Amino acid sequence: AVSKVSITVRDILAASQWQPVTQGGYQCRSCCRIFPTLWSLKNHIQHSPWEGYSCKVFYRTLKVLREKEQKEQEVAALRV
Protein backbone atom coordinates (compact mmCIF):
# COMPACT_ATOMS: atom_id res chain seq x y z
CA ALA A 1 0.00 0.00 0.00
CA VAL A 2 2.69 2.43 -1.06
CA SER A 3 0.08 4.86 -2.43
CA LYS A 4 -1.23 5.57 1.09
CA VAL A 5 2.17 6.53 2.50
CA SER A 6 2.57 10.24 3.19
CA ILE A 7 5.91 11.96 2.71
CA THR A 8 7.20 14.25 5.44
CA VAL A 9 10.08 16.71 5.51
CA ARG A 10 11.94 14.16 7.62
CA ASP A 11 11.53 11.57 4.85
CA ILE A 12 12.86 14.03 2.28
CA LEU A 13 15.88 14.83 4.42
CA ALA A 14 16.53 11.13 5.04
CA ALA A 15 16.42 10.46 1.31
CA SER A 16 18.90 13.25 0.63
CA GLN A 17 21.06 12.15 3.58
CA TRP A 18 20.82 15.59 5.17
CA GLN A 19 22.99 17.13 2.46
CA PRO A 20 21.72 20.34 0.90
CA VAL A 21 22.94 21.10 -2.60
CA THR A 22 25.98 23.38 -2.76
CA GLN A 23 23.99 26.17 -4.44
CA GLY A 24 22.01 26.52 -1.23
CA GLY A 25 19.02 24.43 -2.27
CA TYR A 26 17.69 20.90 -2.10
CA GLN A 27 17.80 18.31 -4.85
CA CYS A 28 14.97 15.93 -5.62
CA ARG A 29 16.55 12.47 -5.50
CA SER A 30 14.12 11.23 -8.11
CA CYS A 31 14.29 13.76 -10.96
CA CYS A 32 17.46 15.62 -9.82
CA ARG A 33 15.83 19.05 -10.08
CA ILE A 34 17.08 21.60 -7.53
CA PHE A 35 14.70 23.63 -5.35
CA PRO A 36 15.58 26.72 -3.28
CA THR A 37 13.84 25.56 -0.09
CA LEU A 38 12.84 22.33 1.56
CA TRP A 39 9.22 23.48 1.38
CA SER A 40 9.43 23.97 -2.39
CA LEU A 41 10.91 20.48 -2.76
CA LYS A 42 8.12 18.98 -0.65
CA ASN A 43 5.57 20.88 -2.74
CA HIS A 44 7.18 19.54 -5.92
CA ILE A 45 7.01 15.96 -4.62
CA GLN A 46 3.34 16.33 -3.71
CA HIS A 47 2.44 17.78 -7.13
CA SER A 48 4.88 15.76 -9.25
CA PRO A 49 2.20 13.58 -10.89
CA TRP A 50 0.59 16.71 -12.36
CA GLU A 51 4.01 17.93 -13.54
CA GLY A 52 4.68 14.66 -15.38
CA TYR A 53 7.14 13.26 -12.83
CA SER A 54 6.96 10.16 -10.64
CA CYS A 55 8.85 11.67 -7.70
CA LYS A 56 5.97 11.10 -5.28
CA VAL A 57 6.04 7.37 -6.06
CA PHE A 58 9.83 7.32 -5.67
CA TYR A 59 9.77 8.93 -2.20
CA ARG A 60 6.83 6.81 -1.03
CA THR A 61 8.55 3.61 -2.16
CA LEU A 62 11.81 4.70 -0.55
CA LYS A 63 10.01 5.39 2.74
CA VAL A 64 8.34 1.96 2.71
CA LEU A 65 11.67 0.25 1.99
CA ARG A 66 13.44 2.22 4.76
CA GLU A 67 10.74 1.31 7.29
CA LYS A 68 10.93 -2.34 6.27
CA GLU A 69 14.72 -2.30 6.63
CA GLN A 70 14.43 -0.68 10.08
CA LYS A 71 11.99 -3.35 11.26
CA GLU A 72 14.26 -6.11 9.98
CA GLN A 73 17.21 -4.57 11.83
CA GLU A 74 15.16 -4.33 15.03
CA VAL A 75 14.14 -8.00 14.75
CA ALA A 76 17.75 -8.99 14.07
CA ALA A 77 18.92 -6.99 17.11
CA LEU A 78 16.44 -8.82 19.32
CA ARG A 79 17.83 -12.17 18.20
CA VAL A 80 21.39 -11.34 19.29
PDB file of N, CA and C in Angstrom:
ATOM      1  N   ALA A   1       0.835  -1.195   0.000  1.00  0.00           N
ATOM      2  CA  ALA A   1       0.000   0.000   0.000  1.00  0.00           C
ATOM      3  C   ALA A   1       0.877   1.255   0.000  1.00  0.00           C
ATOM      4  N   VAL A   2       1.774   1.304  -0.939  1.00  0.00           N
ATOM      5  CA  VAL A   2       2.687   2.432  -1.058  1.00  0.00           C
ATOM      6  C   VAL A   2       1.920   3.724  -1.320  1.00  0.00           C
ATOM      7  N   SER A   3       0.818   3.657  -2.056  1.00  0.00           N
ATOM      8  CA  SER A   3       0.083   4.862  -2.431  1.00  0.00           C
ATOM      9  C   SER A   3      -0.530   5.587  -1.237  1.00  0.00           C
ATOM     10  N   LYS A   4      -0.651   4.923  -0.091  1.00  0.00           N
ATOM     11  CA  LYS A   4      -1.232   5.573   1.089  1.00  0.00           C
ATOM     12  C   LYS A   4      -0.188   6.149   2.029  1.00  0.00           C
ATOM     13  N   VAL A   5       1.070   6.026   1.677  1.00  0.00           N
ATOM     14  CA  VAL A   5       2.166   6.527   2.503  1.00  0.00           C
ATOM     15  C   VAL A   5       2.317   8.021   2.265  1.00  0.00           C
ATOM     16  N   SER A   6       2.368   8.801   3.350  1.00  0.00           N
ATOM     17  CA  SER A   6       2.574  10.240   3.189  1.00  0.00           C
ATOM     18  C   SER A   6       4.046  10.573   3.406  1.00  0.00           C
ATOM     19  N   ILE A   7       4.511  11.556   2.655  1.00  0.00           N
ATOM     20  CA  ILE A   7       5.907  11.956   2.711  1.00  0.00           C
ATOM     21  C   ILE A   7       6.043  13.184   3.591  1.00  0.00           C
ATOM     22  N   THR A   8       6.957  13.126   4.548  1.00  0.00           N
ATOM     23  CA  THR A   8       7.200  14.247   5.443  1.00  0.00           C
ATOM     24  C   THR A   8       8.545  14.888   5.110  1.00  0.00           C
ATOM     25  N   VAL A   9       8.791  16.036   5.681  1.00  0.00           N
ATOM     26  CA  VAL A   9      10.077  16.706   5.509  1.00  0.00           C
ATOM     27  C   VAL A   9      11.198  15.795   6.000  1.00  0.00           C
ATOM     28  N   ARG A  10      10.940  15.088   7.070  1.00  0.00           N
ATOM     29  CA  ARG A  10      11.936  14.163   7.619  1.00  0.00           C
ATOM     30  C   ARG A  10      12.295  13.073   6.602  1.00  0.00           C
ATOM     31  N   ASP A  11      11.282  12.581   5.879  1.00  0.00           N
ATOM     32  CA  ASP A  11      11.533  11.572   4.851  1.00  0.00           C
ATOM     33  C   ASP A  11      12.386  12.139   3.723  1.00  0.00           C
ATOM     34  N   ILE A  12      12.102  13.373   3.346  1.00  0.00           N
ATOM     35  CA  ILE A  12      12.859  14.027   2.277  1.00  0.00           C
ATOM     36  C   ILE A  12      14.317  14.194   2.695  1.00  0.00           C
ATOM     37  N   LEU A  13      14.517  14.645   3.917  1.00  0.00           N
ATOM     38  CA  LEU A  13      15.881  14.832   4.418  1.00  0.00           C
ATOM     39  C   LEU A  13      16.616  13.497   4.534  1.00  0.00           C
ATOM     40  N   ALA A  14      15.909  12.460   4.950  1.00  0.00           N
ATOM     41  CA  ALA A  14      16.527  11.132   5.045  1.00  0.00           C
ATOM     42  C   ALA A  14      16.943  10.642   3.665  1.00  0.00           C
ATOM     43  N   ALA A  15      16.112  10.894   2.671  1.00  0.00           N
ATOM     44  CA  ALA A  15      16.422  10.462   1.308  1.00  0.00           C
ATOM     45  C   ALA A  15      17.618  11.208   0.754  1.00  0.00           C
ATOM     46  N   SER A  16      17.764  12.461   1.138  1.00  0.00           N
ATOM     47  CA  SER A  16      18.900  13.247   0.632  1.00  0.00           C
ATOM     48  C   SER A  16      20.099  13.176   1.568  1.00  0.00           C
ATOM     49  N   GLN A  17      19.989  12.372   2.609  1.00  0.00           N
ATOM     50  CA  GLN A  17      21.059  12.147   3.584  1.00  0.00           C
ATOM     51  C   GLN A  17      21.525  13.451   4.231  1.00  0.00           C
ATOM     52  N   TRP A  18      20.580  14.331   4.462  1.00  0.00           N
ATOM     53  CA  TRP A  18      20.818  15.587   5.172  1.00  0.00           C
ATOM     54  C   TRP A  18      21.805  16.498   4.461  1.00  0.00           C
ATOM     55  N   GLN A  19      22.004  16.319   3.173  1.00  0.00           N
ATOM     56  CA  GLN A  19      22.993  17.128   2.457  1.00  0.00           C
ATOM     57  C   GLN A  19      22.317  18.099   1.494  1.00  0.00           C
ATOM     58  N   PRO A  20      22.254  19.369   1.852  1.00  0.00           N
ATOM     59  CA  PRO A  20      21.724  20.336   0.897  1.00  0.00           C
ATOM     60  C   PRO A  20      22.670  20.492  -0.283  1.00  0.00           C
ATOM     61  N   VAL A  21      22.141  20.881  -1.400  1.00  0.00           N
ATOM     62  CA  VAL A  21      22.939  21.097  -2.604  1.00  0.00           C
ATOM     63  C   VAL A  21      23.843  22.311  -2.374  1.00  0.00           C
ATOM     64  N   THR A  22      25.001  22.318  -2.995  1.00  0.00           N
ATOM     65  CA  THR A  22      25.977  23.384  -2.756  1.00  0.00           C
ATOM     66  C   THR A  22      25.459  24.768  -3.133  1.00  0.00           C
ATOM     67  N   GLN A  23      24.524  24.868  -4.058  1.00  0.00           N
ATOM     68  CA  GLN A  23      23.988  26.169  -4.440  1.00  0.00           C
ATOM     69  C   GLN A  23      23.017  26.721  -3.388  1.00  0.00           C
ATOM     70  N   GLY A  24      22.881  26.035  -2.286  1.00  0.00           N
ATOM     71  CA  GLY A  24      22.009  26.517  -1.229  1.00  0.00           C
ATOM     72  C   GLY A  24      20.575  26.048  -1.370  1.00  0.00           C
ATOM     73  N   GLY A  25      20.368  24.961  -2.085  1.00  0.00           N
ATOM     74  CA  GLY A  25      19.025  24.433  -2.271  1.00  0.00           C
ATOM     75  C   GLY A  25      18.970  22.957  -1.935  1.00  0.00           C
ATOM     76  N   TYR A  26      17.894  22.319  -2.356  1.00  0.00           N
ATOM     77  CA  TYR A  26      17.695  20.898  -2.098  1.00  0.00           C
ATOM     78  C   TYR A  26      17.379  20.199  -3.407  1.00  0.00           C
ATOM     79  N   GLN A  27      17.978  19.037  -3.602  1.00  0.00           N
ATOM     80  CA  GLN A  27      17.800  18.310  -4.850  1.00  0.00           C
ATOM     81  C   GLN A  27      16.813  17.170  -4.670  1.00  0.00           C
ATOM     82  N   CYS A  28      15.886  17.065  -5.595  1.00  0.00           N
ATOM     83  CA  CYS A  28      14.974  15.930  -5.621  1.00  0.00           C
ATOM     84  C   CYS A  28      15.784  14.709  -6.024  1.00  0.00           C
ATOM     85  N   ARG A  29      15.763  13.669  -5.222  1.00  0.00           N
ATOM     86  CA  ARG A  29      16.550  12.474  -5.499  1.00  0.00           C
ATOM     87  C   ARG A  29      15.943  11.638  -6.617  1.00  0.00           C
ATOM     88  N   SER A  30      14.758  11.966  -7.034  1.00  0.00           N
ATOM     89  CA  SER A  30      14.118  11.227  -8.113  1.00  0.00           C
ATOM     90  C   SER A  30      14.416  11.843  -9.475  1.00  0.00           C
ATOM     91  N   CYS A  31      14.127  13.124  -9.647  1.00  0.00           N
ATOM     92  CA  CYS A  31      14.287  13.765 -10.965  1.00  0.00           C
ATOM     93  C   CYS A  31      15.533  14.654 -11.043  1.00  0.00           C
ATOM     94  N   CYS A  32      16.215  14.838  -9.911  1.00  0.00           N
ATOM     95  CA  CYS A  32      17.464  15.617  -9.821  1.00  0.00           C
ATOM     96  C   CYS A  32      17.280  17.128  -9.991  1.00  0.00           C
ATOM     97  N   ARG A  33      16.034  17.610 -10.014  1.00  0.00           N
ATOM     98  CA  ARG A  33      15.825  19.049 -10.076  1.00  0.00           C
ATOM     99  C   ARG A  33      16.208  19.658  -8.728  1.00  0.00           C
ATOM    100  N   ILE A  34      16.650  20.919  -8.752  1.00  0.00           N
ATOM    101  CA  ILE A  34      17.075  21.602  -7.534  1.00  0.00           C
ATOM    102  C   ILE A  34      16.028  22.651  -7.160  1.00  0.00           C
ATOM    103  N   PHE A  35      15.705  22.706  -5.867  1.00  0.00           N
ATOM    104  CA  PHE A  35      14.704  23.632  -5.350  1.00  0.00           C
ATOM    105  C   PHE A  35      15.330  24.514  -4.273  1.00  0.00           C
ATOM    106  N   PRO A  36      14.936  25.785  -4.203  1.00  0.00           N
ATOM    107  CA  PRO A  36      15.582  26.721  -3.282  1.00  0.00           C
ATOM    108  C   PRO A  36      15.317  26.438  -1.809  1.00  0.00           C
ATOM    109  N   THR A  37      14.175  25.839  -1.491  1.00  0.00           N
ATOM    110  CA  THR A  37      13.842  25.565  -0.089  1.00  0.00           C
ATOM    111  C   THR A  37      13.329  24.141   0.053  1.00  0.00           C
ATOM    112  N   LEU A  38      13.382  23.649   1.263  1.00  0.00           N
ATOM    113  CA  LEU A  38      12.841  22.328   1.559  1.00  0.00           C
ATOM    114  C   LEU A  38      11.342  22.296   1.297  1.00  0.00           C
ATOM    115  N   TRP A  39      10.663  23.399   1.622  1.00  0.00           N
ATOM    116  CA  TRP A  39       9.221  23.484   1.384  1.00  0.00           C
ATOM    117  C   TRP A  39       8.903  23.369  -0.107  1.00  0.00           C
ATOM    118  N   SER A  40       9.689  24.037  -0.953  1.00  0.00           N
ATOM    119  CA  SER A  40       9.433  23.974  -2.389  1.00  0.00           C
ATOM    120  C   SER A  40       9.691  22.566  -2.935  1.00  0.00           C
ATOM    121  N   LEU A  41      10.669  21.861  -2.364  1.00  0.00           N
ATOM    122  CA  LEU A  41      10.914  20.475  -2.763  1.00  0.00           C
ATOM    123  C   LEU A  41       9.747  19.594  -2.350  1.00  0.00           C
ATOM    124  N   LYS A  42       9.274  19.772  -1.125  1.00  0.00           N
ATOM    125  CA  LYS A  42       8.124  18.980  -0.649  1.00  0.00           C
ATOM    126  C   LYS A  42       6.900  19.257  -1.527  1.00  0.00           C
ATOM    127  N   ASN A  43       6.687  20.507  -1.876  1.00  0.00           N
ATOM    128  CA  ASN A  43       5.573  20.882  -2.741  1.00  0.00           C
ATOM    129  C   ASN A  43       5.708  20.211  -4.116  1.00  0.00           C
ATOM    130  N   HIS A  44       6.921  20.207  -4.640  1.00  0.00           N
ATOM    131  CA  HIS A  44       7.182  19.545  -5.924  1.00  0.00           C
ATOM    132  C   HIS A  44       6.834  18.061  -5.853  1.00  0.00           C
ATOM    133  N   ILE A  45       7.269  17.400  -4.775  1.00  0.00           N
ATOM    134  CA  ILE A  45       7.011  15.962  -4.622  1.00  0.00           C
ATOM    135  C   ILE A  45       5.509  15.697  -4.588  1.00  0.00           C
ATOM    136  N   GLN A  46       4.787  16.517  -3.825  1.00  0.00           N
ATOM    137  CA  GLN A  46       3.336  16.329  -3.705  1.00  0.00           C
ATOM    138  C   GLN A  46       2.626  16.532  -5.043  1.00  0.00           C
ATOM    139  N   HIS A  47       3.109  17.453  -5.867  1.00  0.00           N
ATOM    140  CA  HIS A  47       2.439  17.780  -7.128  1.00  0.00           C
ATOM    141  C   HIS A  47       3.112  17.159  -8.350  1.00  0.00           C
ATOM    142  N   SER A  48       4.121  16.327  -8.132  1.00  0.00           N
ATOM    143  CA  SER A  48       4.884  15.764  -9.253  1.00  0.00           C
ATOM    144  C   SER A  48       4.035  14.999 -10.273  1.00  0.00           C
ATOM    145  N   PRO A  49       2.993  14.276  -9.859  1.00  0.00           N
ATOM    146  CA  PRO A  49       2.196  13.584 -10.892  1.00  0.00           C
ATOM    147  C   PRO A  49       1.575  14.546 -11.909  1.00  0.00           C
ATOM    148  N   TRP A  50       1.202  15.727 -11.462  1.00  0.00           N
ATOM    149  CA  TRP A  50       0.590  16.707 -12.357  1.00  0.00           C
ATOM    150  C   TRP A  50       1.641  17.424 -13.205  1.00  0.00           C
ATOM    151  N   GLU A  51       2.917  17.323 -12.779  1.00  0.00           N
ATOM    152  CA  GLU A  51       4.009  17.931 -13.542  1.00  0.00           C
ATOM    153  C   GLU A  51       4.641  16.923 -14.499  1.00  0.00           C
ATOM    154  N   GLY A  52       4.137  15.693 -14.492  1.00  0.00           N
ATOM    155  CA  GLY A  52       4.677  14.660 -15.375  1.00  0.00           C
ATOM    156  C   GLY A  52       5.840  13.883 -14.791  1.00  0.00           C
ATOM    157  N   TYR A  53       6.051  13.981 -13.487  1.00  0.00           N
ATOM    158  CA  TYR A  53       7.135  13.262 -12.827  1.00  0.00           C
ATOM    159  C   TYR A  53       6.565  12.190 -11.899  1.00  0.00           C
ATOM    160  N   SER A  54       7.392  11.217 -11.560  1.00  0.00           N
ATOM    161  CA  SER A  54       6.965  10.156 -10.645  1.00  0.00           C
ATOM    162  C   SER A  54       7.686  10.262  -9.298  1.00  0.00           C
ATOM    163  N   CYS A  55       8.085  11.460  -8.932  1.00  0.00           N
ATOM    164  CA  CYS A  55       8.853  11.671  -7.697  1.00  0.00           C
ATOM    165  C   CYS A  55       8.081  11.238  -6.456  1.00  0.00           C
ATOM    166  N   LYS A  56       6.792  11.470  -6.438  1.00  0.00           N
ATOM    167  CA  LYS A  56       5.974  11.098  -5.285  1.00  0.00           C
ATOM    168  C   LYS A  56       6.048   9.581  -5.068  1.00  0.00           C
ATOM    169  N   VAL A  57       5.945   8.826  -6.136  1.00  0.00           N
ATOM    170  CA  VAL A  57       6.036   7.367  -6.057  1.00  0.00           C
ATOM    171  C   VAL A  57       7.420   6.961  -5.564  1.00  0.00           C
ATOM    172  N   PHE A  58       8.454   7.620  -6.070  1.00  0.00           N
ATOM    173  CA  PHE A  58       9.825   7.322  -5.665  1.00  0.00           C
ATOM    174  C   PHE A  58       9.995   7.502  -4.153  1.00  0.00           C
ATOM    175  N   TYR A  59       9.590   8.660  -3.631  1.00  0.00           N
ATOM    176  CA  TYR A  59       9.768   8.931  -2.204  1.00  0.00           C
ATOM    177  C   TYR A  59       8.898   8.023  -1.341  1.00  0.00           C
ATOM    178  N   ARG A  60       7.686   7.721  -1.794  1.00  0.00           N
ATOM    179  CA  ARG A  60       6.830   6.807  -1.027  1.00  0.00           C
ATOM    180  C   ARG A  60       7.451   5.418  -0.968  1.00  0.00           C
ATOM    181  N   THR A  61       7.930   4.942  -2.099  1.00  0.00           N
ATOM    182  CA  THR A  61       8.545   3.614  -2.158  1.00  0.00           C
ATOM    183  C   THR A  61       9.800   3.573  -1.291  1.00  0.00           C
ATOM    184  N   LEU A  62      10.601   4.617  -1.365  1.00  0.00           N
ATOM    185  CA  LEU A  62      11.807   4.700  -0.548  1.00  0.00           C
ATOM    186  C   LEU A  62      11.463   4.654   0.940  1.00  0.00           C
ATOM    187  N   LYS A  63      10.426   5.367   1.337  1.00  0.00           N
ATOM    188  CA  LYS A  63      10.013   5.385   2.740  1.00  0.00           C
ATOM    189  C   LYS A  63       9.581   3.988   3.196  1.00  0.00           C
ATOM    190  N   VAL A  64       8.796   3.302   2.374  1.00  0.00           N
ATOM    191  CA  VAL A  64       8.339   1.955   2.711  1.00  0.00           C
ATOM    192  C   VAL A  64       9.535   1.013   2.850  1.00  0.00           C
ATOM    193  N   LEU A  65      10.483   1.110   1.926  1.00  0.00           N
ATOM    194  CA  LEU A  65      11.671   0.250   1.990  1.00  0.00           C
ATOM    195  C   LEU A  65      12.518   0.547   3.225  1.00  0.00           C
ATOM    196  N   ARG A  66      12.666   1.840   3.555  1.00  0.00           N
ATOM    197  CA  ARG A  66      13.440   2.218   4.758  1.00  0.00           C
ATOM    198  C   ARG A  66      12.782   1.671   6.023  1.00  0.00           C
ATOM    199  N   GLU A  67      11.446   1.802   6.104  1.00  0.00           N
ATOM    200  CA  GLU A  67      10.741   1.313   7.289  1.00  0.00           C
ATOM    201  C   GLU A  67      10.852  -0.198   7.403  1.00  0.00           C
ATOM    202  N   LYS A  68      10.776  -0.888   6.274  1.00  0.00           N
ATOM    203  CA  LYS A  68      10.925  -2.343   6.269  1.00  0.00           C
ATOM    204  C   LYS A  68      12.322  -2.735   6.731  1.00  0.00           C
ATOM    205  N   GLU A  69      13.326  -2.027   6.243  1.00  0.00           N
ATOM    206  CA  GLU A  69      14.716  -2.304   6.631  1.00  0.00           C
ATOM    207  C   GLU A  69      14.918  -2.066   8.129  1.00  0.00           C
ATOM    208  N   GLN A  70      14.320  -0.978   8.646  1.00  0.00           N
ATOM    209  CA  GLN A  70      14.432  -0.681  10.084  1.00  0.00           C
ATOM    210  C   GLN A  70      13.819  -1.798  10.921  1.00  0.00           C
ATOM    211  N   LYS A  71      12.655  -2.269  10.512  1.00  0.00           N
ATOM    212  CA  LYS A  71      11.990  -3.349  11.258  1.00  0.00           C
ATOM    213  C   LYS A  71      12.826  -4.619  11.240  1.00  0.00           C
ATOM    214  N   GLU A  72      13.415  -4.919  10.084  1.00  0.00           N
ATOM    215  CA  GLU A  72      14.256  -6.107   9.985  1.00  0.00           C
ATOM    216  C   GLU A  72      15.484  -5.983  10.878  1.00  0.00           C
ATOM    217  N   GLN A  73      16.059  -4.781  10.957  1.00  0.00           N
ATOM    218  CA  GLN A  73      17.214  -4.569  11.832  1.00  0.00           C
ATOM    219  C   GLN A  73      16.835  -4.712  13.299  1.00  0.00           C
ATOM    220  N   GLU A  74      15.634  -4.218  13.645  1.00  0.00           N
ATOM    221  CA  GLU A  74      15.163  -4.332  15.035  1.00  0.00           C
ATOM    222  C   GLU A  74      14.951  -5.802  15.404  1.00  0.00           C
ATOM    223  N   VAL A  75      14.361  -6.564  14.497  1.00  0.00           N
ATOM    224  CA  VAL A  75      14.141  -7.995  14.746  1.00  0.00           C
ATOM    225  C   VAL A  75      15.478  -8.702  14.881  1.00  0.00           C
ATOM    226  N   ALA A  76      16.429  -8.391  14.014  1.00  0.00           N
ATOM    227  CA  ALA A  76      17.749  -8.991  14.074  1.00  0.00           C
ATOM    228  C   ALA A  76      18.454  -8.644  15.375  1.00  0.00           C
ATOM    229  N   ALA A  77      18.296  -7.424  15.855  1.00  0.00           N
ATOM    230  CA  ALA A  77      18.920  -6.994  17.112  1.00  0.00           C
ATOM    231  C   ALA A  77      18.348  -7.761  18.300  1.00  0.00           C
ATOM    232  N   LEU A  78      17.076  -8.080  18.242  1.00  0.00           N
ATOM    233  CA  LEU A  78      16.443  -8.816  19.325  1.00  0.00           C
ATOM    234  C   LEU A  78      16.929 -10.263  19.391  1.00  0.00           C
ATOM    235  N   ARG A  79      17.370 -10.783  18.263  1.00  0.00           N
ATOM    236  CA  ARG A  79      17.830 -12.171  18.203  1.00  0.00           C
ATOM    237  C   ARG A  79      19.251 -12.334  18.717  1.00  0.00           C
ATOM    238  N   VAL A  80      19.975 -11.259  18.876  1.00  0.00           N
ATOM    239  CA  VAL A  80      21.390 -11.340  19.293  1.00  0.00           C
ATOM    240  C   VAL A  80      21.499 -11.705  20.745  1.00  0.00           C
TER     241      VAL A  80
END
